[in-house]
């Protein structure tokens, strides 16, 4: 697998969020499309502008756009990683199913999890 692609109302804005969150450089950028990847190689993240994008609902409900996928991001210090994500524009999800994982939403509304082993 080369990458996971996230749709967004603005691919460039969402890519900037994840670039700053993960510290990954941009690999490719063109109108409506951005790719970032870890500097040491491996699968990256791509972002695609989708004019009809609808924010997913977390937790899921039958009447709202459901989350189709989410990212799990391992961190060294959960509390400082949450603070960093919030400073970049993430929000903490109201529903937290586990005490050792924090569910946040990126600026486009995609849920993602931060966890520490």
PDB file of N, CA and C in Angstrom:
ATOM      1  N   UNK A   1       0.851  -1.167   0.000  1.00  0.00           N
ATOM      2  CA  UNK A   1       0.000   0.000   0.000  1.00  0.00           C
ATOM      3  C   UNK A   1       0.900   1.235   0.000  1.00  0.00           C
ATOM      4  N   UNK A   2       0.534   2.197  -0.814  1.00  0.00           N
ATOM      5  CA  UNK A   2       1.324   3.418  -0.917  1.00  0.00           C
ATOM      6  C   UNK A   2       0.836   4.512   0.034  1.00  0.00           C
ATOM      7  N   UNK A   3      -0.489   4.600   0.209  1.00  0.00           N
ATOM      8  CA  UNK A   3      -1.030   5.684   1.036  1.00  0.00           C
ATOM      9  C   UNK A   3      -2.491   5.423   1.358  1.00  0.00           C
ATOM     10  N   UNK A   4      -2.955   6.146   2.355  1.00  0.00           N
ATOM     11  CA  UNK A   4      -4.380   6.243   2.664  1.00  0.00           C
ATOM     12  C   UNK A   4      -4.798   7.645   2.248  1.00  0.00           C
ATOM     13  N   UNK A   5      -5.929   7.759   1.568  1.00  0.00           N
ATOM     14  CA  UNK A   5      -6.381   9.055   1.069  1.00  0.00           C
ATOM     15  C   UNK A   5      -7.608   9.515   1.845  1.00  0.00           C
ATOM     16  N   UNK A   6      -7.567  10.757   2.297  1.00  0.00           N
ATOM     17  CA  UNK A   6      -8.685  11.374   2.998  1.00  0.00           C
ATOM     18  C   UNK A   6      -9.281  12.465   2.118  1.00  0.00           C
ATOM     19  N   UNK A   7     -10.590  12.431   1.937  1.00  0.00           N
ATOM     20  CA  UNK A   7     -11.290  13.510   1.241  1.00  0.00           C
ATOM     21  C   UNK A   7     -11.468  14.676   2.211  1.00  0.00           C
ATOM     22  N   UNK A   8     -11.545  15.863   1.654  1.00  0.00           N
ATOM     23  CA  UNK A   8     -11.715  17.062   2.471  1.00  0.00           C
ATOM     24  C   UNK A   8     -12.281  18.178   1.609  1.00  0.00           C
ATOM     25  N   UNK A   9     -12.879  19.186   2.231  1.00  0.00           N
ATOM     26  CA  UNK A   9     -13.329  20.328   1.443  1.00  0.00           C
ATOM     27  C   UNK A   9     -12.150  21.080   0.821  1.00  0.00           C
ATOM     28  N   UNK A  10     -10.976  21.010   1.476  1.00  0.00           N
ATOM     29  CA  UNK A  10      -9.763  21.648   0.963  1.00  0.00           C
ATOM     30  C   UNK A  10      -8.577  20.747   1.287  1.00  0.00           C
ATOM     31  N   UNK A  11      -8.079  20.044   0.293  1.00  0.00           N
ATOM     32  CA  UNK A  11      -6.984  19.084   0.492  1.00  0.00           C
ATOM     33  C   UNK A  11      -5.750  19.757   1.085  1.00  0.00           C
ATOM     34  N   UNK A  12      -5.442  20.965   0.651  1.00  0.00           N
ATOM     35  CA  UNK A  12      -4.223  21.644   1.096  1.00  0.00           C
ATOM     36  C   UNK A  12      -4.288  22.016   2.577  1.00  0.00           C
ATOM     37  N   UNK A  13      -5.444  22.467   3.041  1.00  0.00           N
ATOM     38  CA  UNK A  13      -5.587  22.807   4.462  1.00  0.00           C
ATOM     39  C   UNK A  13      -5.473  21.571   5.337  1.00  0.00           C
ATOM     40  N   UNK A  14      -6.123  20.478   4.954  1.00  0.00           N
ATOM     41  CA  UNK A  14      -6.054  19.269   5.771  1.00  0.00           C
ATOM     42  C   UNK A  14      -4.655  18.665   5.731  1.00  0.00           C
ATOM     43  N   UNK A  15      -4.004  18.718   4.585  1.00  0.00           N
ATOM     44  CA  UNK A  15      -2.626  18.218   4.497  1.00  0.00           C
ATOM     45  C   UNK A  15      -1.702  19.003   5.422  1.00  0.00           C
ATOM     46  N   UNK A  16      -1.866  20.321   5.494  1.00  0.00           N
ATOM     47  CA  UNK A  16      -1.040  21.130   6.400  1.00  0.00           C
ATOM     48  C   UNK A  16      -1.235  20.702   7.850  1.00  0.00           C
ATOM     49  N   UNK A  17      -2.484  20.413   8.234  1.00  0.00           N
ATOM     50  CA  UNK A  17      -2.745  19.951   9.593  1.00  0.00           C
ATOM     51  C   UNK A  17      -1.945  18.674   9.886  1.00  0.00           C
ATOM     52  N   UNK A  18      -2.079  17.658   9.020  1.00  0.00           N
ATOM     53  CA  UNK A  18      -1.394  16.386   9.268  1.00  0.00           C
ATOM     54  C   UNK A  18       0.115  16.501   9.088  1.00  0.00           C
ATOM     55  N   UNK A  19       0.563  17.370   8.215  1.00  0.00           N
ATOM     56  CA  UNK A  19       1.995  17.588   8.055  1.00  0.00           C
ATOM     57  C   UNK A  19       2.588  18.120   9.363  1.00  0.00           C
ATOM     58  N   UNK A  20       1.917  19.061   9.985  1.00  0.00           N
ATOM     59  CA  UNK A  20       2.394  19.614  11.259  1.00  0.00           C
ATOM     60  C   UNK A  20       2.192  18.626  12.404  1.00  0.00           C
ATOM     61  N   UNK A  21       1.092  17.861  12.378  1.00  0.00           N
ATOM     62  CA  UNK A  21       0.842  16.878  13.434  1.00  0.00           C
ATOM     63  C   UNK A  21       1.891  15.775  13.427  1.00  0.00           C
ATOM     64  N   UNK A  22       2.197  15.259  12.238  1.00  0.00           N
ATOM     65  CA  UNK A  22       3.089  14.106  12.119  1.00  0.00           C
ATOM     66  C   UNK A  22       4.544  14.480  11.833  1.00  0.00           C
ATOM     67  N   UNK A  23       4.769  15.694  11.372  1.00  0.00           N
ATOM     68  CA  UNK A  23       6.125  16.098  11.020  1.00  0.00           C
ATOM     69  C   UNK A  23       6.608  15.504   9.707  1.00  0.00           C
ATOM     70  N   UNK A  24       5.689  15.153   8.829  1.00  0.00           N
ATOM     71  CA  UNK A  24       6.027  14.537   7.546  1.00  0.00           C
ATOM     72  C   UNK A  24       6.104  15.590   6.460  1.00  0.00           C
ATOM     73  N   UNK A  25       7.078  15.476   5.564  1.00  0.00           N
ATOM     74  CA  UNK A  25       7.180  16.436   4.465  1.00  0.00           C
ATOM     75  C   UNK A  25       6.194  16.136   3.333  1.00  0.00           C
ATOM     76  N   UNK A  26       5.918  17.169   2.567  1.00  0.00           N
ATOM     77  CA  UNK A  26       5.079  17.022   1.365  1.00  0.00           C
ATOM     78  C   UNK A  26       5.889  16.297   0.304  1.00  0.00           C
ATOM     79  N   UNK A  27       5.291  15.287  -0.306  1.00  0.00           N
ATOM     80  CA  UNK A  27       5.920  14.532  -1.383  1.00  0.00           C
ATOM     81  C   UNK A  27       5.441  14.993  -2.757  1.00  0.00           C
ATOM     82  N   UNK A  28       4.178  15.417  -2.797  1.00  0.00           N
ATOM     83  CA  UNK A  28       3.583  15.851  -4.064  1.00  0.00           C
ATOM     84  C   UNK A  28       2.447  16.805  -3.751  1.00  0.00           C
ATOM     85  N   UNK A  29       2.352  17.848  -4.562  1.00  0.00           N
ATOM     86  CA  UNK A  29       1.272  18.820  -4.367  1.00  0.00           C
ATOM     87  C   UNK A  29       0.841  19.332  -5.731  1.00  0.00           C
ATOM     88  N   UNK A  30      -0.444  19.284  -5.955  1.00  0.00           N
ATOM     89  CA  UNK A  30      -1.032  19.812  -7.186  1.00  0.00           C
ATOM     90  C   UNK A  30      -2.431  20.301  -6.835  1.00  0.00           C
ATOM     91  N   UNK A  31      -3.123  20.970  -7.746  1.00  0.00           N
ATOM     92  CA  UNK A  31      -4.463  21.465  -7.411  1.00  0.00           C
ATOM     93  C   UNK A  31      -5.385  20.333  -6.930  1.00  0.00           C
ATOM     94  N   UNK A  32      -5.921  20.496  -5.720  1.00  0.00           N
ATOM     95  CA  UNK A  32      -6.869  19.526  -5.175  1.00  0.00           C
ATOM     96  C   UNK A  32      -6.259  18.240  -4.680  1.00  0.00           C
ATOM     97  N   UNK A  33      -4.941  18.150  -4.593  1.00  0.00           N
ATOM     98  CA  UNK A  33      -4.282  16.897  -4.187  1.00  0.00           C
ATOM     99  C   UNK A  33      -2.964  17.193  -3.487  1.00  0.00           C
ATOM    100  N   UNK A  34      -2.721  16.520  -2.345  1.00  0.00           N
ATOM    101  CA  UNK A  34      -1.449  16.625  -1.632  1.00  0.00           C
ATOM    102  C   UNK A  34      -1.104  15.259  -1.085  1.00  0.00           C
ATOM    103  N   UNK A  35       0.185  14.912  -1.145  1.00  0.00           N
ATOM    104  CA  UNK A  35       0.695  13.675  -0.550  1.00  0.00           C
ATOM    105  C   UNK A  35       1.781  14.028   0.452  1.00  0.00           C
ATOM    106  N   UNK A  36       1.706  13.424   1.656  1.00  0.00           N
ATOM    107  CA  UNK A  36       2.773  13.534   2.646  1.00  0.00           C
ATOM    108  C   UNK A  36       3.194  12.115   3.008  1.00  0.00           C
ATOM    109  N   UNK A  37       4.436  11.974   3.484  1.00  0.00           N
ATOM    110  CA  UNK A  37       4.922  10.643   3.843  1.00  0.00           C
ATOM    111  C   UNK A  37       6.038  10.784   4.864  1.00  0.00           C
ATOM    112  N   UNK A  38       6.272   9.721   5.645  1.00  0.00           N
ATOM    113  CA  UNK A  38       7.363   9.769   6.609  1.00  0.00           C
ATOM    114  C   UNK A  38       8.708   9.934   5.893  1.00  0.00           C
ATOM    115  N   UNK A  39       9.618  10.709   6.473  1.00  0.00           N
ATOM    116  CA  UNK A  39      10.892  10.962   5.804  1.00  0.00           C
ATOM    117  C   UNK A  39      11.741   9.704   5.598  1.00  0.00           C
ATOM    118  N   UNK A  40      11.539   8.683   6.425  1.00  0.00           N
ATOM    119  CA  UNK A  40      12.326   7.451   6.300  1.00  0.00           C
ATOM    120  C   UNK A  40      11.644   6.412   5.420  1.00  0.00           C
ATOM    121  N   UNK A  41      10.586   6.807   4.718  1.00  0.00           N
ATOM    122  CA  UNK A  41       9.881   5.909   3.813  1.00  0.00           C
ATOM    123  C   UNK A  41       8.665   5.284   4.455  1.00  0.00           C
ATOM    124  N   UNK A  42       7.942   4.529   3.675  1.00  0.00           N
ATOM    125  CA  UNK A  42       6.726   3.876   4.154  1.00  0.00           C
ATOM    126  C   UNK A  42       5.491   4.551   3.603  1.00  0.00           C
ATOM    127  N   UNK A  43       4.362   3.959   3.908  1.00  0.00           N
ATOM    128  CA  UNK A  43       3.083   4.474   3.427  1.00  0.00           C
ATOM    129  C   UNK A  43       2.806   5.852   4.007  1.00  0.00           C
ATOM    130  N   UNK A  44       2.220   6.694   3.202  1.00  0.00           N
ATOM    131  CA  UNK A  44       1.918   8.044   3.629  1.00  0.00           C
ATOM    132  C   UNK A  44       0.429   8.320   3.645  1.00  0.00           C
ATOM    133  N   UNK A  45       0.103   9.585   3.664  1.00  0.00           N
ATOM    134  CA  UNK A  45      -1.280  10.045   3.611  1.00  0.00           C
ATOM    135  C   UNK A  45      -1.434  10.954   2.403  1.00  0.00           C
ATOM    136  N   UNK A  46      -2.550  10.809   1.709  1.00  0.00           N
ATOM    137  CA  UNK A  46      -2.893  11.691   0.601  1.00  0.00           C
ATOM    138  C   UNK A  46      -4.191  12.395   0.938  1.00  0.00           C
ATOM    139  N   UNK A  47      -4.369  13.563   0.372  1.00  0.00           N
ATOM    140  CA  UNK A  47      -5.542  14.378   0.645  1.00  0.00           C
ATOM    141  C   UNK A  47      -6.109  14.856  -0.685  1.00  0.00           C
ATOM    142  N   UNK A  48      -7.412  14.711  -0.819  1.00  0.00           N
ATOM    143  CA  UNK A  48      -8.090  15.018  -2.074  1.00  0.00           C
ATOM    144  C   UNK A  48      -9.240  15.977  -1.801  1.00  0.00           C
ATOM    145  N   UNK A  49      -9.289  17.066  -2.536  1.00  0.00           N
ATOM    146  CA  UNK A  49     -10.414  17.989  -2.405  1.00  0.00           C
ATOM    147  C   UNK A  49     -11.662  17.333  -2.976  1.00  0.00           C
ATOM    148  N   UNK A  50     -12.714  17.328  -2.167  1.00  0.00           N
ATOM    149  CA  UNK A  50     -14.007  16.768  -2.574  1.00  0.00           C
ATOM    150  C   UNK A  50     -15.066  17.846  -2.348  1.00  0.00           C
ATOM    151  N   UNK A  51     -15.553  18.472  -3.427  1.00  0.00           N
ATOM    152  CA  UNK A  51     -16.527  19.558  -3.271  1.00  0.00           C
ATOM    153  C   UNK A  51     -17.798  19.148  -2.530  1.00  0.00           C
ATOM    154  N   UNK A  52     -18.204  17.895  -2.600  1.00  0.00           N
ATOM    155  CA  UNK A  52     -19.419  17.442  -1.929  1.00  0.00           C
ATOM    156  C   UNK A  52     -19.134  16.771  -0.585  1.00  0.00           C
ATOM    157  N   UNK A  53     -17.952  17.015  -0.024  1.00  0.00           N
ATOM    158  CA  UNK A  53     -17.556  16.384   1.242  1.00  0.00           C
ATOM    159  C   UNK A  53     -18.560  16.679   2.351  1.00  0.00           C
ATOM    160  N   UNK A  54     -18.892  15.646   3.111  1.00  0.00           N
ATOM    161  CA  UNK A  54     -19.751  15.764   4.288  1.00  0.00           C
ATOM    162  C   UNK A  54     -18.990  15.227   5.486  1.00  0.00           C
ATOM    163  N   UNK A  55     -18.921  16.030   6.543  1.00  0.00           N
ATOM    164  CA  UNK A  55     -18.190  15.611   7.752  1.00  0.00           C
ATOM    165  C   UNK A  55     -18.829  14.352   8.338  1.00  0.00           C
ATOM    166  N   UNK A  56     -17.997  13.374   8.743  1.00  0.00           N
ATOM    167  CA  UNK A  56     -18.550  12.182   9.385  1.00  0.00           C
ATOM    168  C   UNK A  56     -18.995  12.474  10.815  1.00  0.00           C
ATOM    169  N   UNK A  57     -19.902  11.694  11.294  1.00  0.00           N
ATOM    170  CA  UNK A  57     -20.419  11.806  12.660  1.00  0.00           C
ATOM    171  C   UNK A  57     -19.740  10.756  13.543  1.00  0.00           C
ATOM    172  N   UNK A  58     -19.207  11.172  14.690  1.00  0.00           N
ATOM    173  CA  UNK A  58     -18.645  10.245  15.658  1.00  0.00           C
ATOM    174  C   UNK A  58     -19.257  10.543  17.009  1.00  0.00           C
ATOM    175  N   UNK A  59     -19.842   9.546  17.691  1.00  0.00           N
ATOM    176  CA  UNK A  59     -20.031   8.191  17.197  1.00  0.00           C
ATOM    177  C   UNK A  59     -21.085   8.154  16.094  1.00  0.00           C
ATOM    178  N   UNK A  60     -21.109   7.061  15.373  1.00  0.00           N
ATOM    179  CA  UNK A  60     -21.996   6.921  14.219  1.00  0.00           C
ATOM    180  C   UNK A  60     -23.467   6.980  14.620  1.00  0.00           C
ATOM    181  N   UNK A  61     -24.246   7.489  13.696  1.00  0.00           N
ATOM    182  CA  UNK A  61     -25.700   7.443  13.833  1.00  0.00           C
ATOM    183  C   UNK A  61     -26.269   7.140  12.444  1.00  0.00           C
ATOM    184  N   UNK A  62     -27.434   6.571  12.414  1.00  0.00           N
ATOM    185  CA  UNK A  62     -28.033   6.184  11.125  1.00  0.00           C
ATOM    186  C   UNK A  62     -28.404   7.384  10.255  1.00  0.00           C
ATOM    187  N   UNK A  63     -28.657   8.518  10.866  1.00  0.00           N
ATOM    188  CA  UNK A  63     -29.149   9.667  10.108  1.00  0.00           C
ATOM    189  C   UNK A  63     -28.038  10.622   9.650  1.00  0.00           C
ATOM    190  N   UNK A  64     -26.803  10.351  10.014  1.00  0.00           N
ATOM    191  CA  UNK A  64     -25.681  11.232   9.659  1.00  0.00           C
ATOM    192  C   UNK A  64     -24.639  10.464   8.857  1.00  0.00           C
ATOM    193  N   UNK A  65     -23.741  11.211   8.193  1.00  0.00           N
ATOM    194  CA  UNK A  65     -22.624  10.585   7.480  1.00  0.00           C
ATOM    195  C   UNK A  65     -21.796   9.785   8.480  1.00  0.00           C
ATOM    196  N   UNK A  66     -21.609   8.507   8.220  1.00  0.00           N
ATOM    197  CA  UNK A  66     -20.853   7.660   9.134  1.00  0.00           C
ATOM    198  C   UNK A  66     -19.364   7.703   8.813  1.00  0.00           C
ATOM    199  N   UNK A  67     -18.557   7.515   9.849  1.00  0.00           N
ATOM    200  CA  UNK A  67     -17.123   7.406   9.684  1.00  0.00           C
ATOM    201  C   UNK A  67     -16.837   6.118   8.904  1.00  0.00           C
ATOM    202  N   UNK A  68     -16.028   6.194   7.878  1.00  0.00           N
ATOM    203  CA  UNK A  68     -15.696   5.023   7.073  1.00  0.00           C
ATOM    204  C   UNK A  68     -14.352   4.426   7.478  1.00  0.00           C
ATOM    205  N   UNK A  69     -13.488   5.251   8.002  1.00  0.00           N
ATOM    206  CA  UNK A  69     -12.156   4.815   8.429  1.00  0.00           C
ATOM    207  C   UNK A  69     -11.631   5.838   9.419  1.00  0.00           C
ATOM    208  N   UNK A  70     -10.613   5.454  10.177  1.00  0.00           N
ATOM    209  CA  UNK A  70      -9.957   6.431  11.033  1.00  0.00           C
ATOM    210  C   UNK A  70      -8.490   6.050  11.166  1.00  0.00           C
ATOM    211  N   UNK A  71      -7.681   6.998  11.596  1.00  0.00           N
ATOM    212  CA  UNK A  71      -6.250   6.775  11.770  1.00  0.00           C
ATOM    213  C   UNK A  71      -5.952   6.519  13.237  1.00  0.00           C
ATOM    214  N   UNK A  72      -5.091   5.552  13.515  1.00  0.00           N
ATOM    215  CA  UNK A  72      -4.566   5.299  14.860  1.00  0.00           C
ATOM    216  C   UNK A  72      -3.120   5.755  14.861  1.00  0.00           C
ATOM    217  N   UNK A  73      -2.785   6.693  15.747  1.00  0.00           N
ATOM    218  CA  UNK A  73      -1.453   7.280  15.779  1.00  0.00           C
ATOM    219  C   UNK A  73      -0.844   7.015  17.150  1.00  0.00           C
ATOM    220  N   UNK A  74       0.242   6.258  17.167  1.00  0.00           N
ATOM    221  CA  UNK A  74       0.939   5.970  18.423  1.00  0.00           C
ATOM    222  C   UNK A  74       1.833   7.154  18.779  1.00  0.00           C
ATOM    223  N   UNK A  75       1.777   7.553  20.050  1.00  0.00           N
ATOM    224  CA  UNK A  75       2.558   8.684  20.542  1.00  0.00           C
ATOM    225  C   UNK A  75       3.310   8.263  21.802  1.00  0.00           C
ATOM    226  N   UNK A  76       4.335   9.030  22.148  1.00  0.00           N
ATOM    227  CA  UNK A  76       5.112   8.722  23.354  1.00  0.00           C
ATOM    228  C   UNK A  76       4.419   9.233  24.614  1.00  0.00           C
ATOM    229  N   UNK A  77       3.842  10.418  24.537  1.00  0.00           N
ATOM    230  CA  UNK A  77       3.194  11.041  25.695  1.00  0.00           C
ATOM    231  C   UNK A  77       1.797  11.486  25.254  1.00  0.00           C
ATOM    232  N   UNK A  78       0.787  10.773  25.728  1.00  0.00           N
ATOM    233  CA  UNK A  78      -0.583  11.007  25.270  1.00  0.00           C
ATOM    234  C   UNK A  78      -1.049  12.429  25.564  1.00  0.00           C
ATOM    235  N   UNK A  79      -0.808  12.918  26.756  1.00  0.00           N
ATOM    236  CA  UNK A  79      -1.280  14.246  27.139  1.00  0.00           C
ATOM    237  C   UNK A  79      -0.663  15.343  26.273  1.00  0.00           C
ATOM    238  N   UNK A  80       0.650  15.294  26.069  1.00  0.00           N
ATOM    239  CA  UNK A  80       1.280  16.337  25.251  1.00  0.00           C
ATOM    240  C   UNK A  80       0.902  16.200  23.776  1.00  0.00           C
ATOM    241  N   UNK A  81       0.673  14.973  23.303  1.00  0.00           N
ATOM    242  CA  UNK A  81       0.243  14.772  21.912  1.00  0.00           C
ATOM    243  C   UNK A  81      -1.153  15.351  21.694  1.00  0.00           C
ATOM    244  N   UNK A  82      -2.042  15.173  22.670  1.00  0.00           N
ATOM    245  CA  UNK A  82      -3.387  15.755  22.577  1.00  0.00           C
ATOM    246  C   UNK A  82      -3.275  17.278  22.549  1.00  0.00           C
ATOM    247  N   UNK A  83      -2.461  17.849  23.440  1.00  0.00           N
ATOM    248  CA  UNK A  83      -2.287  19.310  23.467  1.00  0.00           C
ATOM    249  C   UNK A  83      -1.766  19.824  22.127  1.00  0.00           C
ATOM    250  N   UNK A  84      -0.796  19.107  21.550  1.00  0.00           N
ATOM    251  CA  UNK A  84      -0.219  19.495  20.258  1.00  0.00           C
ATOM    252  C   UNK A  84      -1.296  19.468  19.168  1.00  0.00           C
ATOM    253  N   UNK A  85      -2.082  18.395  19.122  1.00  0.00           N
ATOM    254  CA  UNK A  85      -3.140  18.275  18.115  1.00  0.00           C
ATOM    255  C   UNK A  85      -4.180  19.384  18.269  1.00  0.00           C
ATOM    256  N   UNK A  86      -4.542  19.688  19.508  1.00  0.00           N
ATOM    257  CA  UNK A  86      -5.519  20.751  19.755  1.00  0.00           C
ATOM    258  C   UNK A  86      -4.985  22.106  19.299  1.00  0.00           C
ATOM    259  N   UNK A  87      -3.700  22.362  19.540  1.00  0.00           N
ATOM    260  CA  UNK A  87      -3.092  23.627  19.117  1.00  0.00           C
ATOM    261  C   UNK A  87      -3.080  23.766  17.596  1.00  0.00           C
ATOM    262  N   UNK A  88      -3.079  22.646  16.885  1.00  0.00           N
ATOM    263  CA  UNK A  88      -3.078  22.666  15.422  1.00  0.00           C
ATOM    264  C   UNK A  88      -4.483  22.772  14.826  1.00  0.00           C
ATOM    265  N   UNK A  89      -5.518  22.633  15.665  1.00  0.00           N
ATOM    266  CA  UNK A  89      -6.886  22.772  15.172  1.00  0.00           C
ATOM    267  C   UNK A  89      -7.772  21.553  15.336  1.00  0.00           C
ATOM    268  N   UNK A  90      -7.267  20.494  15.955  1.00  0.00           N
ATOM    269  CA  UNK A  90      -8.103  19.322  16.231  1.00  0.00           C
ATOM    270  C   UNK A  90      -9.076  19.647  17.363  1.00  0.00           C
ATOM    271  N   UNK A  91     -10.102  18.831  17.492  1.00  0.00           N
ATOM    272  CA  UNK A  91     -11.029  18.944  18.615  1.00  0.00           C
ATOM    273  C   UNK A  91     -11.153  17.573  19.272  1.00  0.00           C
ATOM    274  N   UNK A  92     -11.406  17.558  20.559  1.00  0.00           N
ATOM    275  CA  UNK A  92     -11.605  16.305  21.285  1.00  0.00           C
ATOM    276  C   UNK A  92     -13.037  15.847  21.057  1.00  0.00           C
ATOM    277  N   UNK A  93     -13.204  14.605  20.666  1.00  0.00           N
ATOM    278  CA  UNK A  93     -14.540  14.051  20.455  1.00  0.00           C
ATOM    279  C   UNK A  93     -15.260  13.918  21.797  1.00  0.00           C
ATOM    280  N   UNK A  94     -16.575  14.119  21.781  1.00  0.00           N
ATOM    281  CA  UNK A  94     -17.357  13.989  23.008  1.00  0.00           C
ATOM    282  C   UNK A  94     -17.331  12.566  23.539  1.00  0.00           C
ATOM    283  N   UNK A  95     -17.371  11.588  22.655  1.00  0.00           N
ATOM    284  CA  UNK A  95     -17.410  10.185  23.059  1.00  0.00           C
ATOM    285  C   UNK A  95     -16.000   9.611  23.077  1.00  0.00           C
ATOM    286  N   UNK A  96     -15.578   9.104  24.233  1.00  0.00           N
ATOM    287  CA  UNK A  96     -14.260   8.505  24.427  1.00  0.00           C
ATOM    288  C   UNK A  96     -14.452   7.074  24.913  1.00  0.00           C
ATOM    289  N   UNK A  97     -14.333   6.063  24.030  1.00  0.00           N
ATOM    290  CA  UNK A  97     -14.648   4.687  24.405  1.00  0.00           C
ATOM    291  C   UNK A  97     -13.603   3.981  25.260  1.00  0.00           C
ATOM    292  N   UNK A  98     -12.371   4.525  25.317  1.00  0.00           N
ATOM    293  CA  UNK A  98     -11.313   3.874  26.083  1.00  0.00           C
ATOM    294  C   UNK A  98     -10.558   4.913  26.903  1.00  0.00           C
ATOM    295  N   UNK A  99     -10.092   4.525  28.080  1.00  0.00           N
ATOM    296  CA  UNK A  99      -9.392   5.475  28.940  1.00  0.00           C
ATOM    297  C   UNK A  99      -7.950   5.720  28.502  1.00  0.00           C
ATOM    298  N   UNK A 100      -7.357   4.808  27.750  1.00  0.00           N
ATOM    299  CA  UNK A 100      -5.953   4.953  27.346  1.00  0.00           C
ATOM    300  C   UNK A 100      -5.800   5.416  25.893  1.00  0.00           C
ATOM    301  N   UNK A 101      -6.894   5.846  25.281  1.00  0.00           N
ATOM    302  CA  UNK A 101      -6.907   6.337  23.906  1.00  0.00           C
ATOM    303  C   UNK A 101      -7.707   7.635  23.893  1.00  0.00           C
ATOM    304  N   UNK A 102      -7.265   8.604  23.102  1.00  0.00           N
ATOM    305  CA  UNK A 102      -8.026   9.837  22.947  1.00  0.00           C
ATOM    306  C   UNK A 102      -8.499   9.922  21.502  1.00  0.00           C
ATOM    307  N   UNK A 103      -9.805  10.066  21.342  1.00  0.00           N
ATOM    308  CA  UNK A 103     -10.383  10.258  20.019  1.00  0.00           C
ATOM    309  C   UNK A 103     -10.502  11.757  19.790  1.00  0.00           C
ATOM    310  N   UNK A 104      -9.923  12.213  18.698  1.00  0.00           N
ATOM    311  CA  UNK A 104      -9.997  13.615  18.296  1.00  0.00           C
ATOM    312  C   UNK A 104     -10.554  13.678  16.883  1.00  0.00           C
ATOM    313  N   UNK A 105     -10.918  14.861  16.445  1.00  0.00           N
ATOM    314  CA  UNK A 105     -11.349  15.065  15.069  1.00  0.00           C
ATOM    315  C   UNK A 105     -10.444  16.117  14.445  1.00  0.00           C
ATOM    316  N   UNK A 106     -10.015  15.842  13.220  1.00  0.00           N
ATOM    317  CA  UNK A 106      -9.191  16.815  12.509  1.00  0.00           C
ATOM    318  C   UNK A 106     -10.069  17.979  12.057  1.00  0.00           C
ATOM    319  N   UNK A 107      -9.495  19.034  11.500  1.00  0.00           N
ATOM    320  CA  UNK A 107     -10.302  20.192  11.108  1.00  0.00           C
ATOM    321  C   UNK A 107     -11.418  19.892  10.098  1.00  0.00           C
ATOM    322  N   UNK A 108     -11.298  18.804   9.328  1.00  0.00           N
ATOM    323  CA  UNK A 108     -12.360  18.422   8.381  1.00  0.00           C
ATOM    324  C   UNK A 108     -13.362  17.473   9.004  1.00  0.00           C
ATOM    325  N   UNK A 109     -13.141  17.077  10.266  1.00  0.00           N
ATOM    326  CA  UNK A 109     -14.088  16.236  10.977  1.00  0.00           C
ATOM    327  C   UNK A 109     -13.769  14.753  10.991  1.00  0.00           C
ATOM    328  N   UNK A 110     -12.654  14.321  10.362  1.00  0.00           N
ATOM    329  CA  UNK A 110     -12.290  12.896  10.407  1.00  0.00           C
ATOM    330  C   UNK A 110     -11.832  12.545  11.822  1.00  0.00           C
ATOM    331  N   UNK A 111     -12.431  11.540  12.450  1.00  0.00           N
ATOM    332  CA  UNK A 111     -11.932  11.089  13.751  1.00  0.00           C
ATOM    333  C   UNK A 111     -10.573  10.403  13.580  1.00  0.00           C
ATOM    334  N   UNK A 112      -9.712  10.614  14.572  1.00  0.00           N
ATOM    335  CA  UNK A 112      -8.441   9.885  14.636  1.00  0.00           C
ATOM    336  C   UNK A 112      -8.134   9.628  16.099  1.00  0.00           C
ATOM    337  N   UNK A 113      -7.369   8.584  16.348  1.00  0.00           N
ATOM    338  CA  UNK A 113      -7.057   8.179  17.726  1.00  0.00           C
ATOM    339  C   UNK A 113      -5.579   8.373  18.015  1.00  0.00           C
ATOM    340  N   UNK A 114      -5.306   8.930  19.182  1.00  0.00           N
ATOM    341  CA  UNK A 114      -3.948   8.999  19.699  1.00  0.00           C
ATOM    342  C   UNK A 114      -3.875   7.996  20.834  1.00  0.00           C
ATOM    343  N   UNK A 115      -2.794   7.214  20.867  1.00  0.00           N
ATOM    344  CA  UNK A 115      -2.629   6.243  21.940  1.00  0.00           C
ATOM    345  C   UNK A 115      -1.158   6.079  22.263  1.00  0.00           C
ATOM    346  N   UNK A 116      -0.907   5.583  23.459  1.00  0.00           N
ATOM    347  CA  UNK A 116       0.446   5.302  23.912  1.00  0.00           C
ATOM    348  C   UNK A 116       0.472   3.896  24.472  1.00  0.00           C
ATOM    349  N   UNK A 117       1.486   3.139  24.129  1.00  0.00           N
ATOM    350  CA  UNK A 117       1.579   1.755  24.640  1.00  0.00           C
ATOM    351  C   UNK A 117       2.068   1.743  26.054  1.00  0.00           C
TER     352      UNK A 117
END
